[in-house]
Amino acid sequence: MKELILTHLRQPAELEQLYRKNKSEFKAAFQSLYPEIKGQEAAEFWNSRLNYTTDTVSWGKAHEWQFIIGAAVVAWFLAKLPAFFNWDEEFFYPRNLGFVIFPFVSAYFAWRKKIPFKSLLTPIIILVIAIAYINLLPDQKNSDTLALACIHLPLFLWGMLGYIFSGTDGKNLPKRLEYLNFNGDAVIMGAVLGLSGLLLSGITVGLFSLIGLQIEKFYFEYIGVFGLVAAPLIATHLTQTNPQLVNKVPPIVAKIFSPLVLIMLVIYLGAIVYAGKDPYNDREFLLLFNMLLIGVMGLIFFSVAESSDAKASKSAKWILTLLSLTTIIVNLVALSAIGFRISEWGFTPNRLAVLGVNVLMLIHLIRVFQQLTLSLKKDLSMEDVGLEVVRYLPVYLIWTALVIFLFPLIFSFE
């Protein structure tokens, strides 16, 4: 794309065609190229166009809100099925909670991007199979494979949402990177909506209690649930129609927390040795250790994605490189502890699942670390590092599918 932009820089019509063909890839390539062509008339025009922001909030069109409200009503109905039909909530919600959120956000993007039904047929078939499969698994209260399937199912649906977000073009790496950025924006917008909803709920319940009406049960079971299922759709819509609302927040968050997490992680590793904690025999500590690992790795990838369309400072690259190296060390400690537990007590569904995801994360972290090191040596933009982050994501999706669909069969639903 960079070469095409340079070739057609003085040909407005061709540049416009390139932009309309793939807006996200064009924008990423242009912003990476801009320091080299800065000052040229065409470059200044496109820089102003691509980075134009407005202070006004666009709420979208009436038909868009009709779709969002309609989808939220259907999602609310699904969420309330146990109440309407007296179903077992402990059976229903662990298996089906993800279906109340991700398919409806996927439907929003499919509708907004006008994706042909033919292209959506495969995701729809997979979705139907997943719904049937997870609900037909034996209802064994202490089944590890059932718990693993329920935990991994939302991650699988998140991957399917990314496929729809990319316009069902799974090989489009810039679109995958844009999807990661969307997740950061949507989480921030969702958090704002959630806090606002909690404030509104508190005021509403408090006001009605002042006049002697106790509406807590009805309000939270019906109106509150509707707000919870509608929030992801509203957050998604607002981030798509108003990218300027939150797109400056994630880079700030990444720049503030990356160095702080690096310092914390180094101190924490030293504190583990000082405190004499043993991840090899302490199962709960190993679990928390892995949660820390996943959280830090998520921060690294989030930070890389947020800075991939700009030339990051050398200090930011150093922080991410050192953070990646420290996380690799943490991962190696976790892997050795998992290997020790398997050698001592054998394979179980939980140990195999944790072993698999730790191996995948280690490989991913090493690849990202190599790209960060290369970026430091050659003083390049973070675009290649961002592409390395998203290039590996389908591997996690494949592993997640194996845990959901094969583990219960391999371990006889234990």
Protein backbone atom coordinates (compact mmCIF):
# COMPACT_ATOMS: atom_id res chain seq x y z
CA MET A 1 0.00 0.00 0.00
CA LYS A 2 2.87 2.41 0.77
CA GLU A 3 4.32 1.94 -2.70
CA LEU A 4 0.92 2.52 -4.30
CA ILE A 5 0.41 5.73 -2.33
CA LEU A 6 3.84 7.03 -3.38
CA THR A 7 3.22 6.08 -7.01
CA HIS A 8 -0.15 7.85 -7.18
CA LEU A 9 0.60 10.75 -4.83
CA ARG A 10 0.00 13.29 -7.61
CA GLN A 11 -3.05 11.45 -8.97
CA PRO A 12 -6.08 12.37 -6.80
CA ALA A 13 -8.52 9.96 -8.46
CA GLU A 14 -6.24 6.95 -7.99
CA LEU A 15 -5.57 7.86 -4.36
CA GLU A 16 -9.31 8.13 -3.73
CA GLN A 17 -9.83 4.67 -5.24
CA LEU A 18 -7.11 3.23 -3.00
CA TYR A 19 -8.70 4.85 0.03
CA ARG A 20 -12.20 3.56 -0.75
CA LYS A 21 -10.91 0.07 -1.45
CA ASN A 22 -9.46 -0.35 2.05
CA LYS A 23 -9.77 2.68 4.32
CA SER A 24 -8.05 1.24 7.40
CA GLU A 25 -5.05 -0.12 5.48
CA PHE A 26 -4.73 3.14 3.52
CA LYS A 27 -4.80 5.20 6.72
CA ALA A 28 -2.19 3.03 8.48
CA ALA A 29 0.10 3.06 5.44
CA PHE A 30 -0.27 6.81 4.88
CA GLN A 31 0.42 7.72 8.52
CA SER A 32 3.52 5.54 8.50
CA LEU A 33 4.62 7.20 5.24
CA TYR A 34 3.68 10.78 6.18
CA PRO A 35 7.01 11.81 7.81
CA GLU A 36 8.75 11.11 4.46
CA ILE A 37 6.31 13.10 2.29
CA LYS A 38 5.41 15.84 4.76
CA GLY A 39 5.14 19.26 3.13
CA GLN A 40 3.82 18.11 -0.23
CA GLU A 41 0.41 19.51 -1.10
CA ALA A 42 -1.26 16.14 -1.62
CA ALA A 43 0.28 14.77 1.57
CA GLU A 44 -0.99 17.70 3.64
CA PHE A 45 -4.47 17.34 2.16
CA TRP A 46 -4.71 13.65 3.01
CA ASN A 47 -3.19 14.16 6.44
CA SER A 48 -5.87 16.74 7.22
CA ARG A 49 -8.60 14.52 5.82
CA LEU A 50 -7.59 11.35 7.63
CA ASN A 51 -7.04 13.10 10.96
CA TYR A 52 -10.02 15.42 10.85
CA THR A 53 -12.02 15.43 14.07
CA THR A 54 -15.11 17.29 15.16
CA ASP A 55 -16.26 18.42 18.59
CA THR A 56 -19.88 17.55 17.87
CA VAL A 57 -21.30 14.11 18.70
CA SER A 58 -22.98 12.16 15.92
CA TRP A 59 -25.80 9.97 17.21
CA GLY A 60 -26.34 8.27 13.88
CA LYS A 61 -29.53 7.90 11.94
CA ALA A 62 -32.98 6.82 13.13
CA HIS A 63 -32.86 3.46 11.34
CA GLU A 64 -29.54 2.65 13.07
CA TRP A 65 -31.10 3.17 16.48
CA GLN A 66 -34.11 1.11 15.43
CA PHE A 67 -31.75 -1.77 14.66
CA ILE A 68 -29.86 -1.33 17.96
CA ILE A 69 -33.05 -1.20 20.08
CA GLY A 70 -34.52 -4.17 18.21
CA ALA A 71 -31.35 -6.22 18.70
CA ALA A 72 -31.21 -5.23 22.39
CA VAL A 73 -34.84 -6.34 22.92
CA VAL A 74 -34.07 -9.75 21.38
CA ALA A 75 -30.91 -10.06 23.50
CA TRP A 76 -32.90 -9.07 26.61
CA PHE A 77 -35.51 -11.74 25.82
CA LEU A 78 -32.79 -14.39 25.51
CA ALA A 79 -31.23 -13.26 28.78
CA LYS A 80 -34.61 -13.60 30.54
CA LEU A 81 -35.50 -17.04 29.14
CA PRO A 82 -34.88 -18.80 32.50
CA ALA A 83 -37.31 -16.41 34.21
CA PHE A 84 -39.96 -16.71 31.50
CA PHE A 85 -39.86 -20.53 31.23
CA ASN A 86 -38.64 -21.46 34.74
CA TRP A 87 -35.36 -22.90 33.47
CA ASP A 88 -32.39 -23.71 35.68
CA GLU A 89 -30.26 -20.55 35.81
CA GLU A 90 -27.13 -22.47 36.87
CA PHE A 91 -27.47 -24.54 33.70
CA PHE A 92 -28.42 -21.71 31.33
CA TYR A 93 -26.17 -18.76 32.10
CA PRO A 94 -22.68 -20.37 32.19
CA ARG A 95 -23.38 -21.95 28.80
CA ASN A 96 -25.27 -19.15 27.05
CA LEU A 97 -24.11 -15.81 28.46
CA GLY A 98 -21.78 -15.20 25.52
CA PHE A 99 -24.64 -15.72 23.05
CA VAL A 100 -26.48 -12.78 24.61
CA ILE A 101 -23.68 -10.36 23.65
CA PHE A 102 -21.34 -11.34 20.81
CA PRO A 103 -23.80 -12.51 18.11
CA PHE A 104 -25.75 -9.24 18.39
CA VAL A 105 -22.64 -7.06 18.08
CA SER A 106 -21.64 -9.28 15.13
CA ALA A 107 -25.09 -8.71 13.61
CA TYR A 108 -24.60 -4.96 14.00
CA PHE A 109 -21.35 -5.02 12.02
CA ALA A 110 -22.79 -7.39 9.41
CA TRP A 111 -25.73 -5.01 8.95
CA ARG A 112 -23.63 -1.84 9.03
CA LYS A 113 -21.03 -3.15 6.58
CA LYS A 114 -23.74 -4.68 4.35
CA ILE A 115 -22.00 -8.07 4.28
CA PRO A 116 -23.74 -10.44 1.83
CA PHE A 117 -25.68 -13.30 3.42
CA LYS A 118 -23.56 -15.78 1.46
CA SER A 119 -20.47 -14.57 3.30
CA LEU A 120 -22.26 -14.88 6.64
CA LEU A 121 -23.45 -18.44 6.07
CA THR A 122 -20.37 -20.12 7.56
CA PRO A 123 -20.36 -18.01 10.77
CA ILE A 124 -24.10 -18.61 11.19
CA ILE A 125 -23.71 -22.39 10.83
CA ILE A 126 -20.81 -22.38 13.33
CA LEU A 127 -22.91 -20.31 15.74
CA VAL A 128 -25.86 -22.72 15.54
CA ILE A 129 -23.56 -25.71 16.07
CA ALA A 130 -21.96 -24.01 19.08
CA ILE A 131 -25.35 -23.23 20.66
CA ALA A 132 -26.55 -26.79 20.19
CA TYR A 133 -23.29 -28.36 21.33
CA ILE A 134 -22.76 -26.38 24.54
CA ASN A 135 -26.36 -26.93 25.64
CA LEU A 136 -26.26 -30.67 24.91
CA LEU A 137 -23.18 -31.31 27.03
CA PRO A 138 -24.02 -33.48 30.06
CA ASP A 139 -25.01 -31.48 33.14
CA GLN A 140 -22.26 -32.70 35.47
CA LYS A 141 -21.72 -30.21 38.28
CA ASN A 142 -18.03 -31.03 38.83
CA SER A 143 -17.05 -31.51 35.19
CA ASP A 144 -13.75 -29.76 34.41
CA THR A 145 -14.25 -30.06 30.66
CA LEU A 146 -17.69 -28.42 30.90
CA ALA A 147 -16.23 -25.54 32.91
CA LEU A 148 -13.39 -25.15 30.39
CA ALA A 149 -15.84 -25.16 27.47
CA CYS A 150 -17.99 -22.49 29.13
CA ILE A 151 -14.93 -20.33 29.90
CA HIS A 152 -13.48 -20.60 26.39
CA LEU A 153 -16.78 -20.15 24.51
CA PRO A 154 -16.88 -16.31 24.88
CA LEU A 155 -13.29 -16.17 23.55
CA PHE A 156 -14.39 -18.24 20.55
CA LEU A 157 -17.36 -15.92 19.95
CA TRP A 158 -15.01 -12.92 20.29
CA GLY A 159 -12.91 -14.40 17.48
CA MET A 160 -16.02 -14.83 15.33
CA LEU A 161 -16.92 -11.19 16.01
CA GLY A 162 -13.48 -10.20 14.73
CA TYR A 163 -14.10 -12.21 11.55
CA ILE A 164 -17.36 -10.32 10.94
CA PHE A 165 -15.68 -7.01 11.83
CA SER A 166 -13.09 -7.62 9.10
CA GLY A 167 -15.88 -8.04 6.55
CA THR A 168 -15.36 -11.85 6.57
CA ASP A 169 -11.86 -11.26 5.18
CA GLY A 170 -9.88 -13.26 7.71
CA LYS A 171 -6.54 -12.64 5.97
CA ASN A 172 -6.74 -8.84 6.22
CA LEU A 173 -4.12 -8.07 8.90
CA PRO A 174 -4.78 -4.29 9.07
CA LYS A 175 -8.45 -5.07 9.75
CA ARG A 176 -7.42 -7.38 12.61
CA LEU A 177 -5.32 -4.55 14.03
CA GLU A 178 -8.28 -2.20 13.67
CA TYR A 179 -10.37 -4.78 15.53
CA LEU A 180 -7.98 -4.71 18.49
CA ASN A 181 -8.19 -0.92 18.55
CA PHE A 182 -11.97 -1.13 18.42
CA ASN A 183 -11.95 -3.40 21.47
CA GLY A 184 -9.98 -0.83 23.47
CA ASP A 185 -12.35 1.97 22.44
CA ALA A 186 -15.46 -0.14 23.09
CA VAL A 187 -14.27 -1.17 26.57
CA ILE A 188 -13.69 2.46 27.53
CA MET A 189 -17.05 3.57 26.11
CA GLY A 190 -18.77 0.61 27.77
CA ALA A 191 -17.19 1.49 31.11
CA VAL A 192 -18.48 5.08 30.81
CA LEU A 193 -21.96 3.83 29.93
CA GLY A 194 -21.85 1.30 32.77
CA LEU A 195 -20.91 3.88 35.39
CA SER A 196 -23.59 6.24 34.08
CA GLY A 197 -26.13 3.42 34.21
CA LEU A 198 -25.21 2.59 37.81
CA LEU A 199 -25.60 6.23 38.79
CA LEU A 200 -28.99 6.45 37.08
CA SER A 201 -30.12 3.19 38.72
CA GLY A 202 -29.10 4.40 42.18
CA ILE A 203 -30.91 7.70 41.74
CA THR A 204 -34.03 6.00 40.35
CA VAL A 205 -34.30 3.39 43.10
CA GLY A 206 -33.54 6.00 45.75
CA LEU A 207 -36.22 8.42 44.50
CA PHE A 208 -38.91 5.73 44.40
CA SER A 209 -37.97 4.53 47.90
CA LEU A 210 -38.56 8.07 49.17
CA ILE A 211 -42.23 7.78 48.22
CA GLY A 212 -42.55 4.29 49.71
CA LEU A 213 -42.22 2.23 46.51
CA GLN A 214 -39.59 -0.53 46.61
CA ILE A 215 -38.81 -1.21 42.95
CA GLU A 216 -35.33 -2.75 43.38
CA LYS A 217 -36.28 -6.30 42.43
CA PHE A 218 -38.31 -5.37 39.34
CA TYR A 219 -35.87 -2.66 38.24
CA PHE A 220 -32.68 -4.73 38.36
CA GLU A 221 -34.26 -7.95 37.05
CA TYR A 222 -35.85 -6.34 34.00
CA ILE A 223 -34.70 -2.77 33.29
CA GLY A 224 -31.19 -3.36 34.62
CA VAL A 225 -30.77 -6.52 32.51
CA PHE A 226 -31.93 -4.62 29.42
CA GLY A 227 -29.31 -1.96 30.11
CA LEU A 228 -26.59 -4.60 30.47
CA VAL A 229 -27.35 -6.28 27.12
CA ALA A 230 -27.90 -2.95 25.33
CA ALA A 231 -24.64 -1.37 26.58
CA PRO A 232 -22.29 -3.35 24.25
CA LEU A 233 -24.43 -2.45 21.24
CA ILE A 234 -24.64 1.24 22.17
CA ALA A 235 -20.91 1.40 22.97
CA THR A 236 -20.12 -0.22 19.63
CA HIS A 237 -22.36 2.19 17.73
CA LEU A 238 -20.93 5.27 19.43
CA THR A 239 -17.32 4.21 18.77
CA GLN A 240 -18.15 3.69 15.10
CA THR A 241 -19.98 6.98 14.62
CA ASN A 242 -17.77 9.05 16.93
CA PRO A 243 -14.20 7.69 16.89
CA GLN A 244 -12.97 11.03 18.25
CA LEU A 245 -14.78 10.44 21.56
CA VAL A 246 -12.36 7.88 22.97
CA ASN A 247 -9.57 7.28 20.44
CA LYS A 248 -7.18 9.53 22.36
CA VAL A 249 -7.75 7.73 25.67
CA PRO A 250 -6.26 4.26 24.94
CA PRO A 251 -2.81 5.61 23.93
CA ILE A 252 -2.69 7.64 27.14
CA VAL A 253 -3.67 4.59 29.19
CA ALA A 254 -1.03 2.49 27.43
CA LYS A 255 1.73 5.09 27.94
CA ILE A 256 0.93 5.51 31.63
CA PHE A 257 0.49 1.86 32.60
CA SER A 258 3.19 0.15 30.49
CA PRO A 259 6.14 1.52 32.52
CA LEU A 260 4.24 1.10 35.79
CA VAL A 261 3.46 -2.54 35.03
CA LEU A 262 7.09 -3.15 34.02
CA ILE A 263 8.31 -1.80 37.38
CA MET A 264 5.64 -3.75 39.26
CA LEU A 265 6.47 -6.99 37.44
CA VAL A 266 10.20 -6.77 38.15
CA ILE A 267 9.55 -6.01 41.83
CA TYR A 268 6.96 -8.80 41.98
CA LEU A 269 9.38 -11.41 40.62
CA GLY A 270 11.88 -10.41 43.30
CA ALA A 271 9.16 -10.48 45.96
CA ILE A 272 8.21 -14.04 44.97
CA VAL A 273 11.73 -15.21 45.76
CA TYR A 274 11.83 -13.20 48.99
CA ALA A 275 8.43 -14.49 50.18
CA GLY A 276 9.32 -18.07 49.30
CA LYS A 277 6.17 -18.61 47.26
CA ASP A 278 6.21 -21.82 45.28
CA PRO A 279 4.17 -22.02 42.03
CA TYR A 280 5.25 -25.64 41.68
CA ASN A 281 3.17 -26.95 44.56
CA ASP A 282 0.73 -24.10 45.28
CA ARG A 283 -2.12 -24.53 42.79
CA GLU A 284 -3.93 -21.30 43.72
CA PHE A 285 -0.73 -19.27 43.40
CA LEU A 286 -0.06 -20.81 39.97
CA LEU A 287 -3.58 -19.82 38.87
CA LEU A 288 -3.05 -16.22 39.99
CA PHE A 289 0.39 -16.26 38.35
CA ASN A 290 -1.18 -17.21 35.01
CA MET A 291 -3.90 -14.55 35.36
CA LEU A 292 -1.14 -11.98 35.90
CA LEU A 293 0.65 -13.28 32.82
CA ILE A 294 -2.46 -13.00 30.63
CA GLY A 295 -3.18 -9.49 31.91
CA VAL A 296 0.34 -8.22 31.23
CA MET A 297 0.43 -9.83 27.79
CA GLY A 298 -2.90 -8.19 26.99
CA LEU A 299 -1.46 -4.81 28.00
CA ILE A 300 1.56 -5.33 25.72
CA PHE A 301 -0.61 -6.21 22.71
CA PHE A 302 -3.02 -3.38 23.49
CA SER A 303 -0.14 -0.89 23.70
CA VAL A 304 1.38 -2.13 20.44
CA ALA A 305 -1.97 -1.94 18.63
CA GLU A 306 -2.59 1.60 19.86
CA SER A 307 0.81 2.85 18.66
CA SER A 308 0.98 0.87 15.40
CA ASP A 309 -0.30 3.72 13.22
CA ALA A 310 2.30 6.20 14.45
CA LYS A 311 6.04 6.41 14.99
CA ALA A 312 6.45 5.54 18.65
CA SER A 313 9.20 7.16 20.70
CA LYS A 314 12.36 5.20 21.44
CA SER A 315 11.57 5.17 25.17
CA ALA A 316 8.12 3.66 24.50
CA LYS A 317 9.71 0.94 22.37
CA TRP A 318 12.27 0.20 25.09
CA ILE A 319 9.53 -0.12 27.71
CA LEU A 320 7.48 -2.50 25.55
CA THR A 321 10.59 -4.53 24.66
CA LEU A 322 11.64 -4.90 28.31
CA LEU A 323 8.05 -5.65 29.32
CA SER A 324 7.87 -8.38 26.67
CA LEU A 325 11.17 -9.88 27.86
CA THR A 326 10.02 -9.84 31.50
CA THR A 327 6.71 -11.44 30.52
CA ILE A 328 8.58 -14.17 28.65
CA ILE A 329 10.49 -14.92 31.87
CA VAL A 330 7.22 -15.06 33.81
CA ASN A 331 5.79 -17.39 31.18
CA LEU A 332 8.79 -19.71 31.40
CA VAL A 333 8.37 -19.92 35.19
CA ALA A 334 4.69 -20.73 34.76
CA LEU A 335 5.45 -23.35 32.09
CA SER A 336 8.05 -25.05 34.27
CA ALA A 337 5.55 -25.16 37.15
CA ILE A 338 2.86 -26.66 34.91
CA GLY A 339 5.34 -29.20 33.53
CA PHE A 340 6.33 -30.16 37.09
CA ARG A 341 2.71 -30.69 38.13
CA ILE A 342 2.03 -32.82 35.05
CA SER A 343 5.13 -34.95 35.65
CA GLU A 344 4.12 -35.47 39.31
CA TRP A 345 0.35 -35.98 39.02
CA GLY A 346 -0.33 -36.61 35.33
CA PHE A 347 -2.53 -34.92 32.77
CA THR A 348 -5.93 -33.46 33.60
CA PRO A 349 -8.18 -31.29 31.39
CA ASN A 350 -7.23 -28.17 33.37
CA ARG A 351 -3.48 -28.83 33.23
CA LEU A 352 -3.55 -29.57 29.52
CA ALA A 353 -5.61 -26.45 28.79
CA VAL A 354 -3.25 -24.23 30.81
CA LEU A 355 -0.19 -25.89 29.28
CA GLY A 356 -1.50 -25.32 25.76
CA VAL A 357 -2.35 -21.65 26.21
CA ASN A 358 0.98 -20.95 27.96
CA VAL A 359 2.94 -22.52 25.11
CA LEU A 360 0.97 -20.48 22.58
CA MET A 361 1.52 -17.28 24.56
CA LEU A 362 5.24 -17.97 24.86
CA ILE A 363 5.62 -18.40 21.11
CA HIS A 364 3.56 -15.27 20.50
CA LEU A 365 5.55 -13.21 22.99
CA ILE A 366 8.87 -14.32 21.50
CA ARG A 367 7.73 -13.32 18.01
CA VAL A 368 6.52 -9.92 19.22
CA PHE A 369 9.75 -9.43 21.21
CA GLN A 370 11.78 -10.14 18.06
CA GLN A 371 9.80 -7.55 16.10
CA LEU A 372 10.15 -4.99 18.89
CA THR A 373 13.92 -5.55 18.98
CA LEU A 374 14.10 -5.14 15.20
CA SER A 375 12.02 -1.97 15.42
CA LEU A 376 14.43 -0.59 18.03
CA LYS A 377 17.55 -1.39 16.01
CA LYS A 378 16.26 0.12 12.76
CA ASP A 379 14.14 2.87 14.38
CA LEU A 380 11.04 1.75 12.46
CA SER A 381 7.37 2.44 13.14
CA MET A 382 5.33 0.00 15.22
CA GLU A 383 3.25 -1.12 12.22
CA ASP A 384 5.18 -4.37 11.68
CA VAL A 385 5.00 -5.15 15.41
CA GLY A 386 1.24 -4.59 15.36
CA LEU A 387 0.87 -6.88 12.35
CA GLU A 388 2.92 -9.54 14.16
CA VAL A 389 0.53 -9.31 17.11
CA VAL A 390 -2.57 -9.90 14.98
CA ARG A 391 -1.01 -12.41 12.59
CA TYR A 392 -0.90 -15.00 15.39
CA LEU A 393 -4.44 -14.47 16.76
CA PRO A 394 -6.10 -17.30 14.72
CA VAL A 395 -3.86 -19.80 16.55
CA TYR A 396 -5.61 -18.90 19.81
CA LEU A 397 -8.97 -19.31 18.08
CA ILE A 398 -8.04 -22.82 16.91
CA TRP A 399 -6.88 -23.79 20.41
CA THR A 400 -10.06 -22.38 21.92
CA ALA A 401 -12.16 -24.45 19.50
CA LEU A 402 -10.21 -27.58 20.48
CA VAL A 403 -10.85 -26.97 24.19
CA ILE A 404 -14.56 -26.37 23.60
CA PHE A 405 -15.38 -29.11 21.12
CA LEU A 406 -12.78 -31.85 21.68
CA PHE A 407 -11.76 -31.76 25.35
CA PRO A 408 -15.15 -32.99 26.64
CA LEU A 409 -15.00 -35.92 24.20
CA ILE A 410 -11.33 -36.75 24.82
CA PHE A 411 -11.74 -36.73 28.61
CA SER A 412 -15.20 -38.38 28.59
CA PHE A 413 -16.96 -35.26 29.94
CA GLU A 414 -14.95 -35.41 33.19
